[in-house]
Amino acid sequence: MPLLPAALLLTTLLTPPSTRFSWPLPPPHPVVRTFQAPATPFGPGHRGVDLSAPAGSPVLAAGDGVVVYAGAVAARTLVSLQHPGGLRTTYEPVTPAVTAGHQVRRGDVVGHLQEGHCPSPCLHWGARRANEYLDPLRLVTWARVRLLPQAPKPPSG
């Protein structure tokens, strides 16, 4: 893997996620079920978040990327986007407005929300890097950094 120049790496690390990614639905963004990482690769969990919205709502690309899949999987249709840096996001259940290979920009409509995932319509939004599922809310919010005091140095001498 190529190394990034220090300035580019520092800029990437210090850029708030909200400048690279945005919510996949117009506001408001009520979270009806949070991310729960599985303890093992095939264990139980919730590999994404569910966001409540009316059926037919536009589903938006959370970030710039390429559509890698848009269509049916089992009984649902979904859209999957590959973003720079190896991140992949998924959106379901949606009626796709894009096709595989289509370039999208953050905020572009990739589909429209269908009913069927929650008791009332909701979008299941997932994120993963390689085989690791990630909390997609971390793309649009960032953790609070807390600096701790440094322990005093023992006197020399």
Protein backbone atom coordinates (compact mmCIF):
# COMPACT_ATOMS: atom_id res chain seq x y z
CA MET A 1 0.00 0.00 0.00
CA PRO A 2 1.50 3.38 -0.97
CA LEU A 3 2.33 5.78 1.82
CA LEU A 4 0.60 9.15 1.81
CA PRO A 5 2.68 12.32 2.19
CA ALA A 6 2.52 13.48 5.81
CA ALA A 7 0.66 16.71 4.95
CA LEU A 8 -2.01 14.82 2.99
CA LEU A 9 -2.36 12.22 5.74
CA LEU A 10 -2.65 14.93 8.41
CA THR A 11 -5.24 16.83 6.34
CA THR A 12 -7.23 13.62 5.84
CA LEU A 13 -7.15 12.80 9.56
CA LEU A 14 -8.09 16.32 10.64
CA THR A 15 -10.87 16.82 8.09
CA PRO A 16 -14.18 16.31 9.89
CA PRO A 17 -16.16 13.38 8.47
CA SER A 18 -19.05 15.71 7.65
CA THR A 19 -16.96 17.29 4.87
CA ARG A 20 -16.43 13.95 3.16
CA PHE A 21 -19.75 12.21 3.91
CA SER A 22 -23.29 13.31 4.56
CA TRP A 23 -26.57 11.76 5.65
CA PRO A 24 -28.18 9.41 3.11
CA LEU A 25 -31.64 10.95 3.65
CA PRO A 26 -32.96 14.49 3.79
CA PRO A 27 -33.49 15.77 7.36
CA PRO A 28 -34.62 14.86 9.91
CA HIS A 29 -32.51 11.76 10.59
CA PRO A 30 -34.26 9.73 13.31
CA VAL A 31 -32.23 6.62 14.13
CA VAL A 32 -34.64 3.80 14.94
CA ARG A 33 -31.99 1.11 15.41
CA THR A 34 -28.28 1.57 16.05
CA PHE A 35 -25.24 -0.36 14.85
CA GLN A 36 -24.32 -3.47 16.86
CA ALA A 37 -21.07 -5.07 15.76
CA PRO A 38 -21.11 -8.87 15.68
CA ALA A 39 -18.71 -10.58 18.10
CA THR A 40 -17.69 -13.04 15.37
CA PRO A 41 -17.78 -12.77 11.56
CA PHE A 42 -21.04 -14.72 11.26
CA GLY A 43 -22.46 -13.89 14.69
CA PRO A 44 -25.59 -11.92 15.48
CA GLY A 45 -25.55 -8.15 15.30
CA HIS A 46 -26.96 -5.25 13.35
CA ARG A 47 -24.49 -4.39 10.61
CA GLY A 48 -25.71 -0.87 9.98
CA VAL A 49 -28.23 1.67 11.24
CA ASP A 50 -31.92 2.11 10.46
CA LEU A 51 -33.08 5.64 9.70
CA SER A 52 -36.80 6.40 9.65
CA ALA A 53 -38.22 8.20 6.59
CA PRO A 54 -41.38 8.15 4.49
CA ALA A 55 -41.59 5.61 1.66
CA GLY A 56 -40.55 7.24 -1.59
CA SER A 57 -37.97 9.52 0.06
CA PRO A 58 -34.88 10.13 -2.04
CA VAL A 59 -31.89 8.09 -0.86
CA LEU A 60 -28.66 10.03 -1.29
CA ALA A 61 -25.06 8.95 -1.83
CA ALA A 62 -23.30 9.53 1.48
CA GLY A 63 -20.05 10.27 -0.35
CA ASP A 64 -18.41 10.33 -3.75
CA GLY A 65 -18.01 6.89 -5.26
CA VAL A 66 -18.92 4.32 -7.87
CA VAL A 67 -22.05 2.16 -7.88
CA VAL A 68 -20.86 -1.44 -7.56
CA TYR A 69 -24.33 -2.98 -7.31
CA ALA A 70 -27.91 -1.81 -7.80
CA GLY A 71 -30.59 -4.47 -7.80
CA ALA A 72 -32.24 -7.34 -5.99
CA VAL A 73 -30.66 -9.46 -3.27
CA ALA A 74 -33.08 -12.04 -1.91
CA ALA A 75 -36.37 -10.20 -1.34
CA ARG A 76 -34.96 -6.64 -1.26
CA THR A 77 -33.35 -4.20 -3.65
CA LEU A 78 -30.30 -2.25 -2.64
CA VAL A 79 -27.58 0.04 -3.88
CA SER A 80 -23.92 -0.45 -2.92
CA LEU A 81 -21.28 2.26 -3.42
CA GLN A 82 -17.50 1.93 -3.38
CA HIS A 83 -15.79 5.06 -2.04
CA PRO A 84 -12.13 6.09 -2.26
CA GLY A 85 -10.05 4.59 0.53
CA GLY A 86 -11.76 1.19 0.44
CA LEU A 87 -15.01 2.09 2.18
CA ARG A 88 -18.26 0.59 0.86
CA THR A 89 -21.73 1.81 1.83
CA THR A 90 -25.07 0.08 1.24
CA TYR A 91 -28.61 1.41 1.15
CA GLU A 92 -31.71 -0.80 1.39
CA PRO A 93 -34.54 -1.28 0.61
CA VAL A 94 -34.51 1.15 -2.31
CA THR A 95 -35.75 1.40 -5.85
CA PRO A 96 -32.42 2.11 -7.58
CA ALA A 97 -32.06 5.25 -9.68
CA VAL A 98 -28.51 4.26 -10.74
CA THR A 99 -26.79 1.28 -12.32
CA ALA A 100 -23.49 -0.49 -11.66
CA GLY A 101 -20.51 1.51 -12.89
CA HIS A 102 -22.28 4.86 -12.43
CA GLN A 103 -20.12 7.57 -10.79
CA VAL A 104 -21.93 9.44 -8.01
CA ARG A 105 -21.15 12.51 -5.96
CA ARG A 106 -22.07 13.04 -2.34
CA GLY A 107 -25.76 14.01 -2.21
CA ASP A 108 -26.73 12.48 -5.59
CA VAL A 109 -29.99 10.51 -5.56
CA VAL A 110 -29.16 6.79 -5.82
CA GLY A 111 -32.72 5.55 -5.31
CA HIS A 112 -36.00 5.97 -3.46
CA LEU A 113 -36.92 4.35 -0.16
CA GLN A 114 -39.27 1.37 -0.28
CA GLU A 115 -41.28 -0.11 2.56
CA GLY A 116 -40.30 -3.44 4.04
CA HIS A 117 -37.27 -3.26 6.31
CA CYS A 118 -38.87 -1.89 9.50
CA PRO A 119 -42.47 -1.87 10.75
CA SER A 120 -42.68 1.68 9.36
CA PRO A 121 -40.48 2.66 6.40
CA CYS A 122 -36.79 3.01 7.20
CA LEU A 123 -33.48 2.92 5.41
CA HIS A 124 -30.91 0.34 6.46
CA TRP A 125 -27.58 2.11 5.91
CA GLY A 126 -24.44 -0.01 6.17
CA ALA A 127 -20.70 0.60 5.89
CA ARG A 128 -17.72 -1.70 5.73
CA ARG A 129 -14.05 -1.71 4.90
CA ALA A 130 -12.88 -5.06 3.52
CA ASN A 131 -14.64 -7.60 5.77
CA GLU A 132 -15.06 -5.28 8.78
CA TYR A 133 -18.49 -3.76 9.34
CA LEU A 134 -18.39 -0.19 10.61
CA ASP A 135 -20.91 2.11 12.26
CA PRO A 136 -22.04 4.39 9.41
CA LEU A 137 -23.01 7.11 11.90
CA ARG A 138 -19.26 7.64 12.40
CA LEU A 139 -19.19 8.96 8.82
CA VAL A 140 -21.46 11.89 9.69
CA THR A 141 -20.57 12.48 13.34
CA TRP A 142 -17.27 12.40 15.07
CA ALA A 143 -16.22 11.36 18.47
CA ARG A 144 -15.36 13.96 21.06
CA VAL A 145 -11.64 14.09 21.70
CA ARG A 146 -10.64 14.47 25.32
CA LEU A 147 -7.04 15.24 26.24
CA LEU A 148 -5.81 13.83 29.53
CA PRO A 149 -3.14 15.52 31.64
CA GLN A 150 0.33 14.10 31.36
CA ALA A 151 1.75 12.47 34.49
CA PRO A 152 4.42 14.63 36.12
CA LYS A 153 7.97 13.52 35.49
CA PRO A 154 9.85 12.25 38.54
CA PRO A 155 12.55 14.62 39.77
CA SER A 156 15.97 13.81 38.37
CA GLY A 157 18.80 13.58 40.50
